[in-house]
Amino acid sequence: MVLARRKLRHYFKSHPVTVVSSFPLGEIVHNREASGRIAKSVVELMGETLTFAPRKAIKSQVLADFVAEWTDTQLPPTQIQTEYWTLYFDGSLMKTGAGAGLLFISPLGVHMRYMVRLHFAASNNVAEYEALINGLQVAIELGARRLDVRGDSWLVIDQVMKESNCLDPKMEAYCKLVRRLEDKFDGLELNHVARKYNEAADELAKMASARAPVPPNVFARDLHKPSIGYTSATEEGPPVEPAAELDALYAAETPSTKPKVMEVNAEPPRTDQDVDWRVPFLDWLDRGELPDDKSKARRLAR
C-alpha cells in the first residue's frame, strides 16, 4: 500500500492532474476541520498539484443531435428491390446482311445471349428496331414483368420515349409496335448507353449480320420478314396495320375444341391436370416435338 502511494505521488508530481467531478471533492480537500481518514487523505493530496474544475453542462440541443445521429446509423439499411430484368440490344448491317444481338440479365444475374439473323432488306435503323422488338418478345416469353432496356441508338430511344418525331412511316410503324408491346409489362424503361457499355450485344449483332457460326450457349433465330408487316405506298396494296398477328400470338387463346354434332369420343378427353408439366419439356429435349400452339411452342423452346 505504501509503495502504491509512492508511485502515485511520483506520477502526480510529474503529471499535473485536473479532476472533474460532480462531488464537492475540492471543498473536502480544502476543509481544515476534516478528521480521521479524510484528514489523512487530505494530507496526502495537499502536496500534489491537483486542480479542481466543475463539470460543464451539456446543452440540450447538442445532446438531442447526438441521439438523432446515433439512431440513424443504427437503423438497418433499406433493401433495394432488384426484381427486374435488364436487356441490352443492338443492330448491325453488313454486306452479308443484317442482324440483331440481345443480352438478357435476369434478377439472379444469369446472362442469356440471343442472335437474330434478318433475311430481308433492312437499314441500320430497321436492324435496331428489330433488335428491340425481338428483345421485348423474348422477354414476354421468358415471363419478365419489369424490364430495363438499354441501347446505343439515339434514334430508337428518342422516338420510343416521344422525345423526337417519326418522319419515316416505317419508323412510325415500328415505334407503334414497341408501344403496343410496352402494355404487356408492369414496368418498362428505355435508357441510352454508350457503345462501350453495349459491347456484348454489339458483338452478337455483328456475328448475326456476318452469318458467323453460332457460339456455344447462344440462342439463334432466323427472321425472314419484318416484324411490322409494312408495305410502302409505292408498292401494291395499302399499308398493313403493324403487329396484326402479334395480339393473336400472345393472347394465350387456345383453339376451339367444340365437338361436332353426333361426334363420338373413343376415350374421355384428357385435361391439363392429367398431364405432368415435365412431359412437354422431355418431348422437346428427347424427340424435338413441340405443341401445335405457336405461342406455347416458342415459350417452351425458350
Protein backbone atom coordinates (compact mmCIF):
# COMPACT_ATOMS: atom_id res chain seq x y z
CA MET A 1 0.00 0.00 0.00
CA VAL A 2 2.83 2.37 0.87
CA LEU A 3 4.64 1.51 -2.37
CA ALA A 4 1.50 2.22 -4.38
CA ARG A 5 1.12 5.63 -2.72
CA ARG A 6 4.74 6.49 -3.53
CA LYS A 7 4.28 5.59 -7.18
CA LEU A 8 1.06 7.59 -7.31
CA ARG A 9 2.73 10.57 -5.65
CA HIS A 10 5.63 10.42 -8.09
CA TYR A 11 3.23 10.29 -11.04
CA PHE A 12 1.24 13.29 -9.80
CA LYS A 13 4.44 15.34 -9.36
CA SER A 14 5.47 14.75 -12.99
CA HIS A 15 1.93 14.90 -14.45
CA PRO A 16 -0.37 17.61 -13.20
CA VAL A 17 -3.90 16.28 -12.96
CA THR A 18 -7.22 18.06 -13.35
CA VAL A 19 -10.05 16.35 -11.53
CA VAL A 20 -13.56 16.82 -12.91
CA SER A 21 -16.19 15.56 -10.52
CA SER A 22 -19.79 16.36 -9.61
CA PHE A 23 -18.99 15.55 -5.96
CA PRO A 24 -17.61 18.55 -3.98
CA LEU A 25 -14.21 16.91 -3.59
CA GLY A 26 -12.39 20.23 -3.69
CA GLU A 27 -14.32 21.50 -0.67
CA ILE A 28 -13.42 18.38 1.29
CA VAL A 29 -9.72 18.63 0.49
CA HIS A 30 -9.58 22.31 1.49
CA ASN A 31 -11.65 21.76 4.61
CA ARG A 32 -9.48 22.42 7.70
CA GLU A 33 -11.93 20.69 10.04
CA ALA A 34 -11.57 17.28 8.38
CA SER A 35 -10.69 14.41 10.73
CA GLY A 36 -9.98 10.70 10.64
CA ARG A 37 -9.29 9.02 7.31
CA ILE A 38 -10.45 12.09 5.42
CA ALA A 39 -7.77 14.17 7.20
CA LYS A 40 -5.10 11.60 6.30
CA SER A 41 -6.21 11.61 2.63
CA VAL A 42 -6.23 15.43 2.62
CA VAL A 43 -2.69 15.47 3.98
CA GLU A 44 -1.58 13.04 1.25
CA LEU A 45 -3.28 15.05 -1.54
CA MET A 46 -2.30 18.53 -0.39
CA GLY A 47 1.25 18.02 -1.56
CA GLU A 48 0.15 17.16 -5.08
CA THR A 49 -0.66 19.51 -7.96
CA LEU A 50 -4.37 18.91 -8.19
CA THR A 51 -6.74 21.31 -9.86
CA PHE A 52 -10.47 21.01 -9.31
CA ALA A 53 -12.84 22.09 -12.11
CA PRO A 54 -16.64 21.91 -12.09
CA ARG A 55 -18.42 19.67 -14.62
CA LYS A 56 -19.72 21.67 -17.56
CA ALA A 57 -23.33 21.31 -18.53
CA ILE A 58 -24.15 19.79 -21.97
CA LYS A 59 -26.59 21.81 -23.99
CA SER A 60 -29.84 20.02 -24.64
CA GLN A 61 -29.73 20.63 -28.40
CA VAL A 62 -26.26 19.07 -28.70
CA LEU A 63 -27.43 16.00 -26.84
CA ALA A 64 -30.53 15.76 -28.98
CA ASP A 65 -28.47 15.99 -32.18
CA PHE A 66 -26.12 13.30 -30.93
CA VAL A 67 -29.00 10.94 -30.15
CA ALA A 68 -30.60 11.60 -33.53
CA GLU A 69 -27.36 10.94 -35.46
CA TRP A 70 -26.61 7.81 -33.49
CA THR A 71 -30.13 6.47 -34.03
CA ASP A 72 -29.90 6.95 -37.83
CA THR A 73 -26.69 4.97 -38.01
CA GLN A 74 -28.21 2.10 -36.06
CA LEU A 75 -31.22 1.67 -38.35
CA PRO A 76 -30.95 -1.24 -40.84
CA PRO A 77 -30.20 -0.15 -44.43
CA THR A 78 -33.10 -0.03 -46.82
CA GLN A 79 -33.22 -3.07 -49.06
CA ILE A 80 -33.20 -2.23 -52.77
CA GLN A 81 -35.64 -4.23 -54.84
CA THR A 82 -33.86 -5.75 -57.85
CA GLU A 83 -36.71 -7.87 -59.19
CA TYR A 84 -36.29 -6.67 -62.77
CA TRP A 85 -34.66 -7.91 -65.95
CA THR A 86 -32.08 -6.00 -67.97
CA LEU A 87 -31.97 -6.08 -71.78
CA TYR A 88 -29.10 -4.84 -73.95
CA PHE A 89 -29.94 -4.68 -77.65
CA ASP A 90 -28.08 -3.65 -80.79
CA GLY A 91 -28.46 -3.96 -84.56
CA SER A 92 -25.83 -4.35 -87.25
CA LEU A 93 -25.75 -4.04 -91.04
CA MET A 94 -23.01 -5.54 -93.24
CA LYS A 95 -22.57 -6.60 -96.85
CA THR A 96 -23.57 -10.14 -95.92
CA GLY A 97 -26.84 -8.99 -94.32
CA ALA A 98 -28.39 -7.52 -91.20
CA GLY A 99 -28.61 -8.92 -87.71
CA ALA A 100 -29.54 -8.17 -84.12
CA GLY A 101 -27.92 -9.01 -80.81
CA LEU A 102 -29.63 -9.36 -77.43
CA LEU A 103 -28.24 -9.81 -73.95
CA PHE A 104 -30.61 -10.59 -71.08
CA ILE A 105 -29.61 -10.38 -67.41
CA SER A 106 -32.08 -11.99 -65.03
CA PRO A 107 -32.72 -10.74 -61.47
CA LEU A 108 -30.42 -13.53 -60.26
CA GLY A 109 -27.60 -12.39 -62.54
CA VAL A 110 -27.96 -15.10 -65.21
CA HIS A 111 -26.81 -13.98 -68.68
CA MET A 112 -28.70 -15.15 -71.79
CA ARG A 113 -27.49 -14.26 -75.30
CA TYR A 114 -29.55 -14.20 -78.49
CA MET A 115 -28.71 -13.73 -82.15
CA VAL A 116 -31.34 -12.77 -84.73
CA ARG A 117 -30.43 -13.09 -88.42
CA LEU A 118 -32.53 -10.83 -90.65
CA HIS A 119 -33.12 -12.35 -94.10
CA PHE A 120 -34.73 -9.30 -95.72
CA ALA A 121 -33.65 -5.88 -96.90
CA ALA A 122 -33.09 -3.70 -93.84
CA SER A 123 -31.33 -0.49 -92.94
CA ASN A 124 -29.30 0.11 -89.81
CA ASN A 125 -32.28 1.74 -88.06
CA VAL A 126 -34.54 -1.15 -89.05
CA ALA A 127 -31.99 -3.56 -87.56
CA GLU A 128 -32.01 -1.57 -84.32
CA TYR A 129 -35.81 -1.64 -84.15
CA GLU A 130 -35.91 -5.36 -84.95
CA ALA A 131 -33.43 -5.96 -82.13
CA LEU A 132 -35.62 -4.04 -79.69
CA ILE A 133 -38.87 -5.69 -80.80
CA ASN A 134 -37.44 -9.21 -80.75
CA GLY A 135 -35.94 -8.50 -77.34
CA LEU A 136 -39.34 -7.44 -75.99
CA GLN A 137 -40.98 -10.53 -77.47
CA VAL A 138 -38.38 -12.82 -75.91
CA ALA A 139 -38.80 -11.02 -72.56
CA ILE A 140 -42.55 -11.65 -72.71
CA GLU A 141 -41.95 -15.33 -73.41
CA LEU A 142 -39.49 -15.52 -70.52
CA GLY A 143 -42.15 -14.11 -68.19
CA ALA A 144 -40.37 -10.85 -67.39
CA ARG A 145 -42.75 -8.26 -65.96
CA ARG A 146 -40.26 -5.46 -65.23
CA LEU A 147 -37.64 -4.69 -67.83
CA ASP A 148 -34.79 -2.19 -68.06
CA VAL A 149 -33.90 -1.79 -71.75
CA ARG A 150 -30.55 -0.28 -72.75
CA GLY A 151 -29.28 0.51 -76.23
CA ASP A 152 -26.83 2.79 -78.03
CA SER A 153 -29.21 4.04 -80.75
CA TRP A 154 -30.29 7.63 -80.08
CA LEU A 155 -32.91 7.45 -82.83
CA VAL A 156 -34.75 4.43 -81.44
CA ILE A 157 -34.61 5.62 -77.83
CA ASP A 158 -35.80 9.15 -78.64
CA GLN A 159 -38.64 8.01 -80.88
CA VAL A 160 -39.94 5.44 -78.41
CA MET A 161 -39.65 7.86 -75.49
CA LYS A 162 -41.52 10.51 -77.58
CA GLU A 163 -38.61 12.93 -77.49
CA SER A 164 -38.44 13.12 -81.30
CA ASN A 165 -40.96 12.69 -84.11
CA CYS A 166 -41.05 9.78 -86.55
CA LEU A 167 -40.77 11.32 -90.01
CA ASP A 168 -40.42 7.98 -91.81
CA PRO A 169 -43.71 5.97 -91.97
CA LYS A 170 -41.78 2.74 -91.48
CA MET A 171 -40.11 4.07 -88.32
CA GLU A 172 -43.51 5.21 -87.09
CA ALA A 173 -44.91 1.70 -87.61
CA TYR A 174 -42.01 0.20 -85.68
CA CYS A 175 -42.48 2.73 -82.87
CA LYS A 176 -46.20 1.90 -82.60
CA LEU A 177 -45.37 -1.79 -82.33
CA VAL A 178 -42.93 -1.12 -79.48
CA ARG A 179 -45.59 0.85 -77.60
CA ARG A 180 -48.09 -1.97 -78.07
CA LEU A 181 -45.60 -4.40 -76.58
CA GLU A 182 -44.98 -1.98 -73.73
CA ASP A 183 -48.52 -2.60 -72.42
CA LYS A 184 -47.62 -6.21 -71.67
CA PHE A 185 -45.14 -5.18 -68.94
CA ASP A 186 -45.78 -3.88 -65.45
CA GLY A 187 -42.75 -1.63 -65.81
CA LEU A 188 -40.62 -0.82 -68.85
CA GLU A 189 -37.83 1.76 -69.09
CA LEU A 190 -35.58 2.60 -72.03
CA ASN A 191 -32.17 4.17 -71.44
CA HIS A 192 -29.42 5.21 -73.83
CA VAL A 193 -25.93 3.91 -73.06
CA ALA A 194 -22.59 4.49 -74.74
CA ARG A 195 -21.39 1.92 -77.24
CA LYS A 196 -18.57 0.81 -74.94
CA TYR A 197 -21.20 -0.33 -72.39
CA ASN A 198 -23.07 -2.28 -75.07
CA GLU A 199 -20.20 -4.37 -76.42
CA ALA A 200 -21.81 -7.76 -75.69
CA ALA A 201 -24.95 -7.03 -77.72
CA ASP A 202 -22.89 -5.33 -80.43
CA GLU A 203 -20.68 -8.39 -80.83
CA LEU A 204 -23.72 -10.67 -81.11
CA ALA A 205 -25.29 -8.36 -83.70
CA LYS A 206 -22.11 -8.36 -85.81
CA MET A 207 -21.90 -12.16 -85.72
CA ALA A 208 -25.55 -12.38 -86.77
CA SER A 209 -25.11 -9.95 -89.67
CA ALA A 210 -21.89 -11.66 -90.78
CA ARG A 211 -23.66 -15.05 -90.71
CA ALA A 212 -20.94 -16.39 -88.46
CA PRO A 213 -21.30 -19.77 -86.70
CA VAL A 214 -23.38 -19.65 -83.56
CA PRO A 215 -21.15 -19.79 -80.45
CA PRO A 216 -21.99 -22.16 -77.60
CA ASN A 217 -24.65 -21.07 -75.11
CA VAL A 218 -26.12 -18.58 -77.62
CA PHE A 219 -29.67 -18.83 -78.95
CA ALA A 220 -30.08 -18.09 -82.67
CA ARG A 221 -33.15 -17.25 -84.71
CA ASP A 222 -33.80 -16.51 -88.38
CA LEU A 223 -36.31 -13.80 -89.28
CA HIS A 224 -37.49 -13.90 -92.90
CA LYS A 225 -39.92 -10.96 -92.83
CA PRO A 226 -40.16 -7.69 -90.91
CA SER A 227 -41.99 -7.66 -87.61
CA ILE A 228 -44.32 -4.85 -88.65
CA GLY A 229 -45.58 -6.33 -91.93
CA TYR A 230 -45.27 -2.87 -93.51
CA THR A 231 -45.59 -2.11 -97.23
CA SER A 232 -44.73 1.31 -98.61
CA ALA A 233 -47.14 3.45 -100.59
CA THR A 234 -45.23 2.77 -103.82
CA GLU A 235 -45.88 -0.95 -103.51
CA GLU A 236 -49.16 -2.55 -104.43
CA GLY A 237 -51.81 -2.53 -101.76
CA PRO A 238 -52.36 -0.26 -98.75
CA PRO A 239 -50.04 -0.27 -95.75
CA VAL A 240 -50.64 -3.22 -93.46
CA GLU A 241 -51.53 -2.48 -89.87
CA PRO A 242 -48.40 -3.24 -87.81
CA ALA A 243 -48.42 -6.24 -85.49
CA ALA A 244 -51.75 -7.53 -86.75
CA GLU A 245 -50.74 -11.08 -85.84
CA LEU A 246 -48.98 -10.14 -82.61
CA ASP A 247 -52.05 -9.95 -80.40
CA ALA A 248 -53.19 -13.35 -81.62
CA LEU A 249 -49.78 -14.78 -80.81
CA TYR A 250 -49.67 -13.50 -77.22
CA ALA A 251 -53.37 -13.59 -76.42
CA ALA A 252 -52.92 -17.09 -74.99
CA GLU A 253 -56.18 -18.18 -76.52
CA THR A 254 -56.44 -21.88 -77.24
CA PRO A 255 -58.07 -23.05 -80.48
CA SER A 256 -61.71 -24.02 -80.37
CA THR A 257 -62.25 -27.60 -79.23
CA LYS A 258 -66.02 -27.62 -79.59
CA PRO A 259 -67.05 -31.13 -80.77
CA LYS A 260 -69.08 -31.58 -83.91
CA VAL A 261 -72.63 -32.85 -83.90
CA MET A 262 -73.01 -36.63 -83.45
CA GLU A 263 -69.27 -36.97 -82.83
CA VAL A 264 -68.37 -39.91 -80.62
CA ASN A 265 -65.28 -39.82 -78.49
CA ALA A 266 -63.37 -43.06 -78.34
CA GLU A 267 -61.90 -42.10 -74.95
CA PRO A 268 -62.61 -39.35 -72.42
CA PRO A 269 -60.69 -36.14 -73.17
CA ARG A 270 -57.58 -35.52 -71.14
CA THR A 271 -57.42 -32.39 -69.04
CA ASP A 272 -54.38 -30.29 -68.27
CA GLN A 273 -54.35 -31.71 -64.76
CA ASP A 274 -53.76 -35.23 -66.12
CA VAL A 275 -50.58 -34.18 -67.96
CA ASP A 276 -47.36 -33.84 -66.00
CA TRP A 277 -45.74 -30.45 -66.53
CA ARG A 278 -42.44 -32.17 -67.33
CA VAL A 279 -43.79 -34.17 -70.27
CA PRO A 280 -43.64 -31.32 -72.86
CA PHE A 281 -40.06 -30.50 -71.87
CA LEU A 282 -39.00 -34.14 -72.18
CA ASP A 283 -40.73 -34.44 -75.55
CA TRP A 284 -38.81 -31.39 -76.80
CA LEU A 285 -35.45 -32.48 -75.40
CA ASP A 286 -35.67 -36.15 -76.40
CA ARG A 287 -37.67 -36.16 -79.65
CA GLY A 288 -37.80 -32.49 -80.68
CA GLU A 289 -41.60 -32.39 -80.50
CA LEU A 290 -43.34 -29.08 -79.76
CA PRO A 291 -47.00 -28.23 -79.09
CA ASP A 292 -49.21 -27.23 -82.01
CA ASP A 293 -49.92 -23.84 -80.48
CA LYS A 294 -47.26 -21.38 -81.71
CA SER A 295 -47.10 -19.30 -78.55
CA LYS A 296 -46.73 -22.39 -76.32
CA ALA A 297 -44.14 -23.85 -78.67
CA ARG A 298 -41.99 -20.71 -78.67
CA ARG A 299 -42.28 -20.33 -74.91
CA LEU A 300 -41.28 -23.97 -74.41
CA ALA A 301 -38.28 -23.61 -76.73
CA ARG A 302 -37.10 -20.51 -74.86
